[in-house]
Amino acid sequence: MAPSVLSPSSLSPGIVSPSVLSPAILSPFALNPSIFSPSALGALVASPFALSPSFFSPSYIALVVFSPSAFSPSFNSTGKGVTVLFSPSVGS
């Protein structure tokens, strides 16, 4: 993206707020026009993982899915079938 895209004059007044002008918002992924919708912007700011460009990498997503630490109680509550399917013991 051209540097001029990041200048305040290129952004609408509503976009130029302190919370939006974080380094993560200026990343290539965040420059996608769809990210400026209220719901998408809120999700990006609220989620620490979404602030990392590497999160969008397929290999990173696979690593998180198959990592033992990824099996939080909330993940297990989605159903025993899902838990067993992604269980590290099944993959080895």
N, C-alpha and C. Protein backbone atom coordinates (compact mmCIF):
# COMPACT_ATOMS: atom_id res chain seq x y z
N MET A 1 0.83 -1.19 0.00
CA MET A 1 0.00 0.00 0.00
C MET A 1 0.88 1.25 0.00
N ALA A 2 0.43 2.28 -0.64
CA ALA A 2 1.17 3.54 -0.66
C ALA A 2 1.08 4.21 0.71
N PRO A 3 2.16 4.88 1.13
CA PRO A 3 2.17 5.57 2.43
C PRO A 3 1.01 6.54 2.60
N SER A 4 0.55 7.11 1.48
CA SER A 4 -0.53 8.09 1.57
C SER A 4 -1.81 7.48 2.12
N VAL A 5 -1.94 6.16 1.99
CA VAL A 5 -3.14 5.48 2.50
C VAL A 5 -3.21 5.57 4.01
N LEU A 6 -2.04 5.65 4.65
CA LEU A 6 -2.00 5.68 6.10
C LEU A 6 -2.12 7.10 6.66
N SER A 7 -2.15 8.10 5.82
CA SER A 7 -2.24 9.48 6.31
C SER A 7 -3.65 9.79 6.77
N PRO A 8 -3.79 10.63 7.81
CA PRO A 8 -5.12 10.97 8.34
C PRO A 8 -6.05 11.55 7.28
N SER A 9 -5.50 12.27 6.31
CA SER A 9 -6.35 12.88 5.29
C SER A 9 -7.00 11.83 4.40
N SER A 10 -6.42 10.65 4.35
CA SER A 10 -6.99 9.59 3.51
C SER A 10 -8.05 8.79 4.25
N LEU A 11 -8.11 8.98 5.57
CA LEU A 11 -9.06 8.22 6.38
C LEU A 11 -10.24 9.09 6.76
N SER A 12 -11.39 8.48 6.93
CA SER A 12 -12.56 9.24 7.34
C SER A 12 -12.41 9.63 8.81
N PRO A 13 -13.05 10.71 9.26
CA PRO A 13 -12.94 11.16 10.66
C PRO A 13 -13.25 10.06 11.67
N GLY A 14 -14.20 9.21 11.35
CA GLY A 14 -14.56 8.15 12.28
C GLY A 14 -13.47 7.11 12.44
N ILE A 15 -12.63 6.94 11.43
CA ILE A 15 -11.57 5.95 11.49
C ILE A 15 -10.37 6.48 12.28
N VAL A 16 -10.20 7.79 12.32
CA VAL A 16 -9.04 8.37 12.99
C VAL A 16 -9.30 8.49 14.49
N SER A 17 -9.39 7.37 15.17
CA SER A 17 -9.52 7.35 16.62
C SER A 17 -8.29 6.67 17.21
N PRO A 18 -7.91 7.00 18.46
CA PRO A 18 -6.70 6.43 19.07
C PRO A 18 -6.66 4.91 19.03
N SER A 19 -7.79 4.26 19.30
CA SER A 19 -7.81 2.81 19.35
C SER A 19 -7.60 2.18 17.98
N VAL A 20 -7.96 2.90 16.93
CA VAL A 20 -7.83 2.36 15.58
C VAL A 20 -6.42 2.55 15.05
N LEU A 21 -5.74 3.58 15.50
CA LEU A 21 -4.41 3.87 14.99
C LEU A 21 -3.32 3.08 15.71
N SER A 22 -3.59 1.81 15.98
CA SER A 22 -2.59 0.95 16.59
C SER A 22 -1.74 0.31 15.48
N PRO A 23 -0.53 -0.13 15.80
CA PRO A 23 0.34 -0.74 14.78
C PRO A 23 -0.31 -1.91 14.06
N ALA A 24 -1.11 -2.68 14.77
CA ALA A 24 -1.75 -3.85 14.16
C ALA A 24 -2.74 -3.42 13.07
N ILE A 25 -3.41 -2.30 13.28
CA ILE A 25 -4.40 -1.83 12.31
C ILE A 25 -3.71 -1.38 11.02
N LEU A 26 -2.43 -1.01 11.13
CA LEU A 26 -1.69 -0.53 9.97
C LEU A 26 -1.00 -1.66 9.21
N SER A 27 -1.23 -2.90 9.66
CA SER A 27 -0.61 -4.03 8.99
C SER A 27 -1.30 -4.29 7.65
N PRO A 28 -0.63 -4.97 6.70
CA PRO A 28 -1.21 -5.25 5.37
C PRO A 28 -2.59 -5.91 5.44
N PHE A 29 -2.76 -6.83 6.38
CA PHE A 29 -4.05 -7.51 6.48
C PHE A 29 -5.14 -6.54 6.90
N ALA A 30 -4.80 -5.59 7.79
CA ALA A 30 -5.80 -4.67 8.30
C ALA A 30 -6.19 -3.62 7.27
N LEU A 31 -5.38 -3.44 6.22
CA LEU A 31 -5.69 -2.44 5.21
C LEU A 31 -6.80 -2.89 4.26
N ASN A 32 -7.26 -4.12 4.45
CA ASN A 32 -8.38 -4.60 3.64
C ASN A 32 -9.61 -3.76 3.99
N PRO A 33 -10.31 -3.19 3.01
CA PRO A 33 -11.47 -2.34 3.27
C PRO A 33 -12.52 -2.98 4.18
N SER A 34 -12.69 -4.28 4.06
CA SER A 34 -13.71 -4.95 4.86
C SER A 34 -13.39 -4.91 6.35
N ILE A 35 -12.13 -4.69 6.70
CA ILE A 35 -11.73 -4.67 8.10
C ILE A 35 -12.23 -3.42 8.80
N PHE A 36 -12.65 -2.42 8.02
CA PHE A 36 -13.11 -1.18 8.62
C PHE A 36 -14.58 -1.21 9.03
N SER A 37 -15.25 -2.35 8.81
CA SER A 37 -16.62 -2.46 9.30
C SER A 37 -16.59 -2.56 10.82
N PRO A 38 -17.58 -2.01 11.54
CA PRO A 38 -17.57 -1.99 13.01
C PRO A 38 -17.34 -3.35 13.65
N SER A 39 -18.03 -4.38 13.17
CA SER A 39 -17.90 -5.69 13.80
C SER A 39 -16.53 -6.30 13.56
N ALA A 40 -16.01 -6.17 12.33
CA ALA A 40 -14.70 -6.74 12.02
C ALA A 40 -13.59 -6.00 12.75
N LEU A 41 -13.72 -4.68 12.85
CA LEU A 41 -12.71 -3.88 13.53
C LEU A 41 -12.70 -4.20 15.02
N GLY A 42 -13.87 -4.37 15.58
CA GLY A 42 -13.97 -4.71 17.01
C GLY A 42 -13.34 -6.07 17.29
N ALA A 43 -13.57 -7.04 16.43
CA ALA A 43 -13.01 -8.37 16.62
C ALA A 43 -11.49 -8.34 16.50
N LEU A 44 -10.98 -7.54 15.58
CA LEU A 44 -9.54 -7.46 15.37
C LEU A 44 -8.85 -6.87 16.59
N VAL A 45 -9.44 -5.82 17.16
CA VAL A 45 -8.85 -5.16 18.31
C VAL A 45 -8.98 -6.01 19.57
N ALA A 46 -10.08 -6.76 19.69
CA ALA A 46 -10.36 -7.51 20.90
C ALA A 46 -9.56 -8.81 20.99
N SER A 47 -9.18 -9.37 19.86
CA SER A 47 -8.49 -10.66 19.87
C SER A 47 -6.97 -10.49 19.72
N PRO A 48 -6.20 -10.89 20.73
CA PRO A 48 -4.73 -10.79 20.66
C PRO A 48 -4.15 -11.60 19.49
N PHE A 49 -4.76 -12.74 19.20
CA PHE A 49 -4.26 -13.57 18.11
C PHE A 49 -4.47 -12.91 16.75
N ALA A 50 -5.58 -12.17 16.61
CA ALA A 50 -5.88 -11.52 15.33
C ALA A 50 -4.91 -10.37 15.05
N LEU A 51 -4.25 -9.88 16.11
CA LEU A 51 -3.31 -8.77 15.93
C LEU A 51 -2.00 -9.25 15.33
N SER A 52 -1.82 -10.56 15.25
CA SER A 52 -0.58 -11.11 14.70
C SER A 52 -0.80 -11.57 13.27
N PRO A 53 -0.06 -11.00 12.29
CA PRO A 53 -0.21 -11.42 10.89
C PRO A 53 0.02 -12.92 10.70
N SER A 54 0.88 -13.51 11.54
CA SER A 54 1.19 -14.93 11.39
C SER A 54 -0.02 -15.81 11.68
N PHE A 55 -1.01 -15.25 12.35
CA PHE A 55 -2.22 -16.00 12.67
C PHE A 55 -2.96 -16.42 11.40
N PHE A 56 -2.77 -15.63 10.33
CA PHE A 56 -3.46 -15.92 9.09
C PHE A 56 -2.75 -16.99 8.26
N SER A 57 -1.63 -17.48 8.74
CA SER A 57 -0.88 -18.50 8.02
C SER A 57 -1.50 -19.87 8.26
N PRO A 58 -1.79 -20.62 7.19
CA PRO A 58 -2.38 -21.96 7.34
C PRO A 58 -1.57 -22.87 8.25
N SER A 59 -0.24 -22.79 8.15
CA SER A 59 0.60 -23.65 8.97
C SER A 59 0.48 -23.29 10.44
N TYR A 60 0.30 -22.00 10.73
CA TYR A 60 0.15 -21.56 12.13
C TYR A 60 -1.18 -22.05 12.69
N ILE A 61 -2.22 -21.97 11.86
CA ILE A 61 -3.54 -22.43 12.30
C ILE A 61 -3.51 -23.93 12.58
N ALA A 62 -2.83 -24.67 11.71
CA ALA A 62 -2.72 -26.12 11.91
C ALA A 62 -1.95 -26.42 13.20
N LEU A 63 -0.91 -25.64 13.46
CA LEU A 63 -0.10 -25.83 14.67
C LEU A 63 -0.93 -25.60 15.92
N VAL A 64 -1.77 -24.57 15.89
CA VAL A 64 -2.62 -24.26 17.03
C VAL A 64 -3.68 -25.33 17.23
N VAL A 65 -4.25 -25.82 16.13
CA VAL A 65 -5.32 -26.82 16.22
C VAL A 65 -4.80 -28.12 16.82
N PHE A 66 -3.60 -28.52 16.44
CA PHE A 66 -3.07 -29.78 16.91
C PHE A 66 -2.19 -29.66 18.15
N SER A 67 -2.07 -28.44 18.68
CA SER A 67 -1.29 -28.24 19.89
C SER A 67 -2.10 -28.66 21.11
N PRO A 68 -1.49 -29.38 22.06
CA PRO A 68 -2.21 -29.80 23.27
C PRO A 68 -2.82 -28.62 24.02
N SER A 69 -2.14 -27.47 23.99
CA SER A 69 -2.64 -26.30 24.70
C SER A 69 -3.91 -25.75 24.06
N ALA A 70 -4.20 -26.17 22.84
CA ALA A 70 -5.39 -25.68 22.15
C ALA A 70 -6.66 -26.33 22.70
N PHE A 71 -6.51 -27.40 23.46
CA PHE A 71 -7.68 -28.10 23.98
C PHE A 71 -8.15 -27.48 25.29
N SER A 72 -8.73 -26.31 25.18
CA SER A 72 -9.28 -25.62 26.35
C SER A 72 -10.63 -26.23 26.69
N PRO A 73 -11.12 -26.01 27.92
CA PRO A 73 -12.43 -26.56 28.30
C PRO A 73 -13.55 -26.14 27.34
N SER A 74 -13.47 -24.91 26.85
CA SER A 74 -14.51 -24.45 25.95
C SER A 74 -14.46 -25.20 24.62
N PHE A 75 -13.25 -25.61 24.21
CA PHE A 75 -13.12 -26.38 22.97
C PHE A 75 -13.67 -27.78 23.17
N ASN A 76 -13.38 -28.36 24.34
CA ASN A 76 -13.86 -29.70 24.63
C ASN A 76 -15.38 -29.75 24.76
N SER A 77 -15.97 -28.62 25.14
CA SER A 77 -17.42 -28.60 25.35
C SER A 77 -18.19 -28.63 24.03
N THR A 78 -17.48 -28.50 22.90
CA THR A 78 -18.16 -28.52 21.60
C THR A 78 -18.63 -29.93 21.25
N GLY A 79 -18.09 -30.93 21.90
CA GLY A 79 -18.55 -32.30 21.64
C GLY A 79 -17.41 -33.30 21.78
N LYS A 80 -17.68 -34.44 22.36
CA LYS A 80 -16.65 -35.45 22.59
C LYS A 80 -16.09 -35.96 21.26
N GLY A 81 -16.94 -36.06 20.25
CA GLY A 81 -16.48 -36.53 18.95
C GLY A 81 -15.39 -35.65 18.37
N VAL A 82 -15.55 -34.34 18.51
CA VAL A 82 -14.57 -33.40 18.00
C VAL A 82 -13.27 -33.51 18.78
N THR A 83 -13.40 -33.64 20.10
CA THR A 83 -12.22 -33.73 20.97
C THR A 83 -11.39 -34.97 20.62
N VAL A 84 -12.04 -36.09 20.43
CA VAL A 84 -11.34 -37.34 20.11
C VAL A 84 -10.69 -37.26 18.74
N LEU A 85 -11.36 -36.61 17.81
CA LEU A 85 -10.86 -36.51 16.45
C LEU A 85 -9.53 -35.75 16.40
N PHE A 86 -9.41 -34.70 17.22
CA PHE A 86 -8.21 -33.88 17.22
C PHE A 86 -7.26 -34.22 18.36
N SER A 87 -7.52 -35.30 19.06
CA SER A 87 -6.69 -35.67 20.20
C SER A 87 -5.29 -36.04 19.74
N PRO A 88 -4.24 -35.52 20.45
CA PRO A 88 -2.85 -35.84 20.10
C PRO A 88 -2.56 -37.34 20.11
N SER A 89 -3.24 -38.07 21.00
CA SER A 89 -3.00 -39.51 21.10
C SER A 89 -3.49 -40.24 19.85
N VAL A 90 -4.51 -39.70 19.20
CA VAL A 90 -5.04 -40.31 17.98
C VAL A 90 -4.09 -40.06 16.81
N GLY A 91 -3.45 -38.89 16.83
CA GLY A 91 -2.56 -38.53 15.72
C GLY A 91 -1.23 -39.25 15.77
N SER A 92 -0.86 -39.78 16.95
CA SER A 92 0.44 -40.45 17.06
C SER A 92 0.33 -41.95 16.89
